[in-house]
Each structure stands twice: as structure tokens, then as C-alpha cells.
Amino acid sequence: MTRVTLLYFARLREQFGIGSEAAALPAEVETLGDLLVWLRARGGTWATELAEGRAYRLAVNQDMADLETALKDGDEVAIFPPVTGG
């Protein structure tokens, strides 16, 4: 079983009501794309905020990542809105 730490930032932290959580992922969750499907299945705000087409970025162990990035035990996954300059 793969265990990861999930970190949520900015509006996601506010909407989900948590900044981080430890998650034991089911066997079918092998990539970031799989992880997002699994999180959306929680329904409600999770499905809305992580819907395809919504603006958010992904990082694994502080490196930007994409939906095909494989997850391994002990990874730290950050999900956060894009940063805008000003």
C-alpha cells in the first residue's frame, strides 16, 4: 500500500477545511491522475475544486509534476492554485 502526504494550499485549503493529510492509497492509484480521480470521488467540494478544467498545479516532493507522474510510498504531493504575479 502506498502512503503519501497530501498538502493543500490557498483556496483549496480553505475549501477542504484542511491543510494536509496522510493518505493510504488503494492499489489502483498509481499516478497523480489516478490520485485526482480518487480525491474527486469524495464528492462535494472535492469533486468541484479538483474538476477537470479547474486551475490548480501539482508537485511531488517539491518538484512540479503532471498527471502521468508515478507515485511511490512516502511521497509528498502538493495541490495548489496557480500563483499570479503583480
Foldseek 3Di string as FASTA:
>chain_A
DAKEKEAEDDVRCVLVVHGIDIDDDDPVPFWQLSVLVVQLVVDDSSVVCSPPPHAKFKDKPNHTDDRGHTDGHYIYMYIYGDDDDD
